Amino acid sequence: MQERGKKLFTAVFERYEQDVELLKRKTHFRSVRLSKCGALIADRIVFDKEIAAKIVGYLTIGEHIAFLADVEFKDIEFQYPHELINKQGKDE
């Protein structure tokens, strides 16, 4: 479910920032798209360590992520698959 003022976006994981601790590194993504219509919003985006720390699990190169965000990419909330993986692990 989308929160008021937020839209669902997708992006492709490109890489982690080099030489930085696991939970304190920036993450780099490409092909940021508006999920509903597939429109390309940005070629590249980098999430700082505070936002990257919200991602559950380790990303592999080329993996797609989905996240809810406002137009300014603030108050980001990551969605499937990482959110579901985390919940499944707790249920088992």
N, C-alpha and C. Protein backbone atom coordinates (compact mmCIF):
# COMPACT_ATOMS: atom_id res chain seq x y z
N MET A 1 0.84 -1.19 0.00
CA MET A 1 0.00 0.00 0.00
C MET A 1 0.88 1.24 0.00
N GLN A 2 0.55 2.20 -0.82
CA GLN A 2 1.32 3.43 -0.90
C GLN A 2 0.81 4.46 0.09
N GLU A 3 1.73 5.10 0.77
CA GLU A 3 1.37 6.17 1.68
C GLU A 3 1.06 7.42 0.86
N ARG A 4 0.24 8.29 1.42
CA ARG A 4 -0.13 9.52 0.73
C ARG A 4 1.11 10.34 0.39
N GLY A 5 1.23 10.77 -0.85
CA GLY A 5 2.35 11.59 -1.28
C GLY A 5 3.56 10.80 -1.72
N LYS A 6 3.52 9.49 -1.54
CA LYS A 6 4.65 8.65 -1.95
C LYS A 6 4.27 7.86 -3.19
N LYS A 7 5.28 7.55 -3.98
CA LYS A 7 5.09 6.73 -5.17
C LYS A 7 6.05 5.55 -5.09
N LEU A 8 5.73 4.50 -5.82
CA LEU A 8 6.58 3.31 -5.84
C LEU A 8 7.58 3.44 -6.98
N PHE A 9 8.85 3.29 -6.65
CA PHE A 9 9.95 3.35 -7.61
C PHE A 9 10.70 2.03 -7.62
N THR A 10 11.36 1.74 -8.72
CA THR A 10 12.26 0.59 -8.78
C THR A 10 13.64 1.08 -9.23
N ALA A 11 14.66 0.31 -8.90
CA ALA A 11 16.02 0.63 -9.30
C ALA A 11 16.83 -0.65 -9.35
N VAL A 12 17.94 -0.60 -10.06
CA VAL A 12 18.82 -1.75 -10.19
C VAL A 12 20.09 -1.47 -9.38
N PHE A 13 20.42 -2.41 -8.48
CA PHE A 13 21.61 -2.23 -7.66
C PHE A 13 22.86 -2.32 -8.53
N GLU A 14 23.77 -1.38 -8.31
CA GLU A 14 25.00 -1.34 -9.09
C GLU A 14 26.23 -1.71 -8.26
N ARG A 15 26.37 -1.06 -7.09
CA ARG A 15 27.54 -1.38 -6.26
C ARG A 15 27.43 -0.71 -4.89
N TYR A 16 28.21 -1.24 -3.97
CA TYR A 16 28.39 -0.61 -2.67
C TYR A 16 29.59 0.32 -2.75
N GLU A 17 29.60 1.35 -1.95
CA GLU A 17 30.76 2.23 -1.84
C GLU A 17 31.94 1.40 -1.35
N GLN A 18 33.09 1.56 -1.93
CA GLN A 18 34.27 0.77 -1.56
C GLN A 18 34.90 1.26 -0.26
N ASP A 19 35.55 0.36 0.45
CA ASP A 19 36.35 0.68 1.63
C ASP A 19 35.57 1.36 2.75
N VAL A 20 34.34 0.93 2.95
CA VAL A 20 33.53 1.47 4.03
C VAL A 20 32.86 0.31 4.75
N GLU A 21 32.64 0.44 6.06
CA GLU A 21 31.99 -0.60 6.84
C GLU A 21 30.64 -0.98 6.25
N LEU A 22 30.24 -2.21 6.44
CA LEU A 22 29.01 -2.76 5.85
C LEU A 22 27.79 -1.87 6.10
N LEU A 23 27.54 -1.46 7.32
CA LEU A 23 26.33 -0.70 7.62
C LEU A 23 26.51 0.80 7.47
N LYS A 24 27.69 1.25 7.07
CA LYS A 24 27.94 2.68 6.96
C LYS A 24 28.29 3.11 5.54
N ARG A 25 28.05 2.25 4.57
CA ARG A 25 28.46 2.61 3.21
C ARG A 25 27.29 3.04 2.35
N LYS A 26 27.60 3.85 1.37
CA LYS A 26 26.60 4.32 0.42
C LYS A 26 26.32 3.21 -0.59
N THR A 27 25.13 3.24 -1.17
CA THR A 27 24.78 2.28 -2.20
C THR A 27 24.48 3.02 -3.50
N HIS A 28 24.89 2.43 -4.60
CA HIS A 28 24.73 3.03 -5.92
C HIS A 28 23.72 2.20 -6.72
N PHE A 29 22.76 2.90 -7.35
CA PHE A 29 21.74 2.26 -8.16
C PHE A 29 21.67 2.94 -9.52
N ARG A 30 21.13 2.20 -10.50
CA ARG A 30 20.93 2.76 -11.84
C ARG A 30 19.49 2.50 -12.26
N SER A 31 19.08 3.13 -13.32
CA SER A 31 17.75 2.92 -13.92
C SER A 31 16.62 3.07 -12.90
N VAL A 32 16.56 4.23 -12.28
CA VAL A 32 15.47 4.50 -11.33
C VAL A 32 14.21 4.81 -12.13
N ARG A 33 13.18 4.02 -11.89
CA ARG A 33 11.95 4.14 -12.67
C ARG A 33 10.73 4.27 -11.77
N LEU A 34 9.74 4.95 -12.28
CA LEU A 34 8.44 5.01 -11.63
C LEU A 34 7.77 3.68 -11.92
N SER A 35 7.43 2.96 -10.90
CA SER A 35 6.95 1.59 -11.05
C SER A 35 5.67 1.49 -11.87
N LYS A 36 4.75 2.39 -11.66
CA LYS A 36 3.43 2.31 -12.29
C LYS A 36 3.51 2.34 -13.82
N CYS A 37 4.32 3.22 -14.37
CA CYS A 37 4.37 3.36 -15.83
C CYS A 37 5.73 2.97 -16.43
N GLY A 38 6.72 2.76 -15.59
CA GLY A 38 8.04 2.38 -16.08
C GLY A 38 8.88 3.53 -16.59
N ALA A 39 8.41 4.76 -16.39
CA ALA A 39 9.15 5.93 -16.88
C ALA A 39 10.48 6.07 -16.15
N LEU A 40 11.54 6.33 -16.89
CA LEU A 40 12.86 6.53 -16.31
C LEU A 40 12.90 7.88 -15.60
N ILE A 41 13.22 7.86 -14.31
CA ILE A 41 13.26 9.07 -13.49
C ILE A 41 14.70 9.59 -13.38
N ALA A 42 15.65 8.66 -13.23
CA ALA A 42 17.06 9.04 -13.10
C ALA A 42 17.94 7.90 -13.60
N ASP A 43 19.05 8.26 -14.24
CA ASP A 43 20.01 7.24 -14.69
C ASP A 43 20.71 6.60 -13.51
N ARG A 44 21.05 7.42 -12.52
CA ARG A 44 21.79 6.93 -11.35
C ARG A 44 21.30 7.65 -10.10
N ILE A 45 21.39 6.91 -8.98
CA ILE A 45 21.08 7.51 -7.68
C ILE A 45 21.99 6.85 -6.64
N VAL A 46 22.41 7.64 -5.67
CA VAL A 46 23.24 7.12 -4.59
C VAL A 46 22.52 7.40 -3.29
N PHE A 47 22.30 6.34 -2.49
CA PHE A 47 21.69 6.51 -1.18
C PHE A 47 22.79 6.60 -0.14
N ASP A 48 22.66 7.57 0.76
CA ASP A 48 23.66 7.74 1.81
C ASP A 48 23.53 6.61 2.84
N LYS A 49 24.43 6.60 3.82
CA LYS A 49 24.48 5.48 4.77
C LYS A 49 23.22 5.35 5.61
N GLU A 50 22.54 6.46 5.93
CA GLU A 50 21.32 6.38 6.72
C GLU A 50 20.20 5.67 5.96
N ILE A 51 20.07 5.99 4.70
CA ILE A 51 19.04 5.35 3.89
C ILE A 51 19.44 3.92 3.55
N ALA A 52 20.70 3.72 3.19
CA ALA A 52 21.18 2.38 2.84
C ALA A 52 21.03 1.41 4.00
N ALA A 53 21.12 1.89 5.22
CA ALA A 53 21.00 1.03 6.41
C ALA A 53 19.59 0.44 6.53
N LYS A 54 18.60 0.99 5.85
CA LYS A 54 17.23 0.49 5.88
C LYS A 54 17.04 -0.74 5.00
N ILE A 55 17.99 -1.01 4.12
CA ILE A 55 17.88 -2.14 3.21
C ILE A 55 18.19 -3.42 3.97
N VAL A 56 17.25 -4.36 3.95
CA VAL A 56 17.43 -5.63 4.64
C VAL A 56 18.19 -6.58 3.72
N GLY A 57 19.24 -7.18 4.23
CA GLY A 57 19.99 -8.16 3.46
C GLY A 57 21.07 -7.53 2.60
N TYR A 58 21.83 -8.40 1.96
CA TYR A 58 22.94 -7.98 1.10
C TYR A 58 22.47 -8.00 -0.33
N LEU A 59 22.73 -6.95 -1.06
CA LEU A 59 22.31 -6.85 -2.46
C LEU A 59 23.38 -7.43 -3.38
N THR A 60 22.94 -8.03 -4.47
CA THR A 60 23.87 -8.52 -5.47
C THR A 60 23.75 -7.62 -6.71
N ILE A 61 24.83 -7.49 -7.44
CA ILE A 61 24.85 -6.63 -8.62
C ILE A 61 23.75 -7.04 -9.59
N GLY A 62 22.99 -6.06 -10.06
CA GLY A 62 21.91 -6.31 -11.00
C GLY A 62 20.57 -6.61 -10.34
N GLU A 63 20.55 -6.72 -9.03
CA GLU A 63 19.30 -7.00 -8.31
C GLU A 63 18.39 -5.79 -8.34
N HIS A 64 17.09 -6.03 -8.54
CA HIS A 64 16.10 -4.95 -8.54
C HIS A 64 15.58 -4.74 -7.13
N ILE A 65 15.38 -3.49 -6.78
CA ILE A 65 14.73 -3.17 -5.52
C ILE A 65 13.52 -2.28 -5.82
N ALA A 66 12.60 -2.24 -4.89
CA ALA A 66 11.45 -1.35 -4.98
C ALA A 66 11.39 -0.54 -3.69
N PHE A 67 11.00 0.72 -3.82
CA PHE A 67 10.90 1.55 -2.63
C PHE A 67 9.85 2.63 -2.82
N LEU A 68 9.22 2.97 -1.71
CA LEU A 68 8.28 4.08 -1.69
C LEU A 68 9.04 5.33 -1.32
N ALA A 69 8.76 6.42 -2.01
CA ALA A 69 9.42 7.69 -1.71
C ALA A 69 8.60 8.83 -2.28
N ASP A 70 8.84 10.02 -1.72
CA ASP A 70 8.22 11.20 -2.32
C ASP A 70 9.08 11.63 -3.51
N VAL A 71 8.68 12.64 -4.18
CA VAL A 71 9.38 13.08 -5.39
C VAL A 71 10.83 13.47 -5.12
N GLU A 72 11.12 13.92 -3.92
CA GLU A 72 12.48 14.34 -3.57
C GLU A 72 13.33 13.19 -3.04
N PHE A 73 12.80 11.97 -3.05
CA PHE A 73 13.47 10.78 -2.54
C PHE A 73 13.85 10.93 -1.06
N LYS A 74 12.91 11.46 -0.29
CA LYS A 74 13.10 11.56 1.16
C LYS A 74 12.15 10.56 1.82
N ASP A 75 12.47 10.18 3.05
CA ASP A 75 11.64 9.24 3.81
C ASP A 75 11.39 7.98 2.98
N ILE A 76 12.46 7.35 2.56
CA ILE A 76 12.39 6.17 1.70
C ILE A 76 12.05 4.93 2.51
N GLU A 77 11.17 4.12 1.95
CA GLU A 77 10.74 2.88 2.58
C GLU A 77 10.92 1.75 1.56
N PHE A 78 11.87 0.85 1.81
CA PHE A 78 12.16 -0.23 0.87
C PHE A 78 11.08 -1.29 0.94
N GLN A 79 10.77 -1.86 -0.21
CA GLN A 79 9.71 -2.85 -0.35
C GLN A 79 10.30 -4.21 -0.75
N TYR A 80 9.45 -5.07 -1.25
CA TYR A 80 9.81 -6.40 -1.72
C TYR A 80 11.01 -6.34 -2.64
N PRO A 81 11.94 -7.25 -2.56
CA PRO A 81 11.88 -8.51 -1.82
C PRO A 81 12.45 -8.42 -0.41
N HIS A 82 13.20 -7.39 -0.12
CA HIS A 82 13.93 -7.34 1.14
C HIS A 82 13.03 -7.32 2.36
N GLU A 83 11.91 -6.63 2.28
CA GLU A 83 10.98 -6.58 3.41
C GLU A 83 10.38 -7.96 3.65
N LEU A 84 9.98 -8.67 2.61
CA LEU A 84 9.39 -10.00 2.76
C LEU A 84 10.40 -11.02 3.25
N ILE A 85 11.61 -10.95 2.78
CA ILE A 85 12.66 -11.88 3.22
C ILE A 85 12.86 -11.74 4.72
N ASN A 86 12.90 -10.53 5.21
CA ASN A 86 13.09 -10.29 6.63
C ASN A 86 11.92 -10.87 7.43
N LYS A 87 10.68 -10.69 6.98
CA LYS A 87 9.51 -11.19 7.69
C LYS A 87 9.47 -12.71 7.65
N GLN A 88 9.83 -13.33 6.53
CA GLN A 88 9.81 -14.79 6.42
C GLN A 88 10.79 -15.42 7.40
N GLY A 89 11.95 -14.81 7.54
CA GLY A 89 12.95 -15.34 8.45
C GLY A 89 12.48 -15.32 9.89
N LYS A 90 11.67 -14.35 10.27
CA LYS A 90 11.16 -14.24 11.63
C LYS A 90 10.04 -15.23 11.88
N ASP A 91 9.26 -15.55 10.83
CA ASP A 91 8.11 -16.46 10.98
C ASP A 91 8.54 -17.91 11.09
N GLU A 92 9.68 -18.25 10.54
CA GLU A 92 10.10 -19.67 10.51
C GLU A 92 10.77 -20.07 11.78
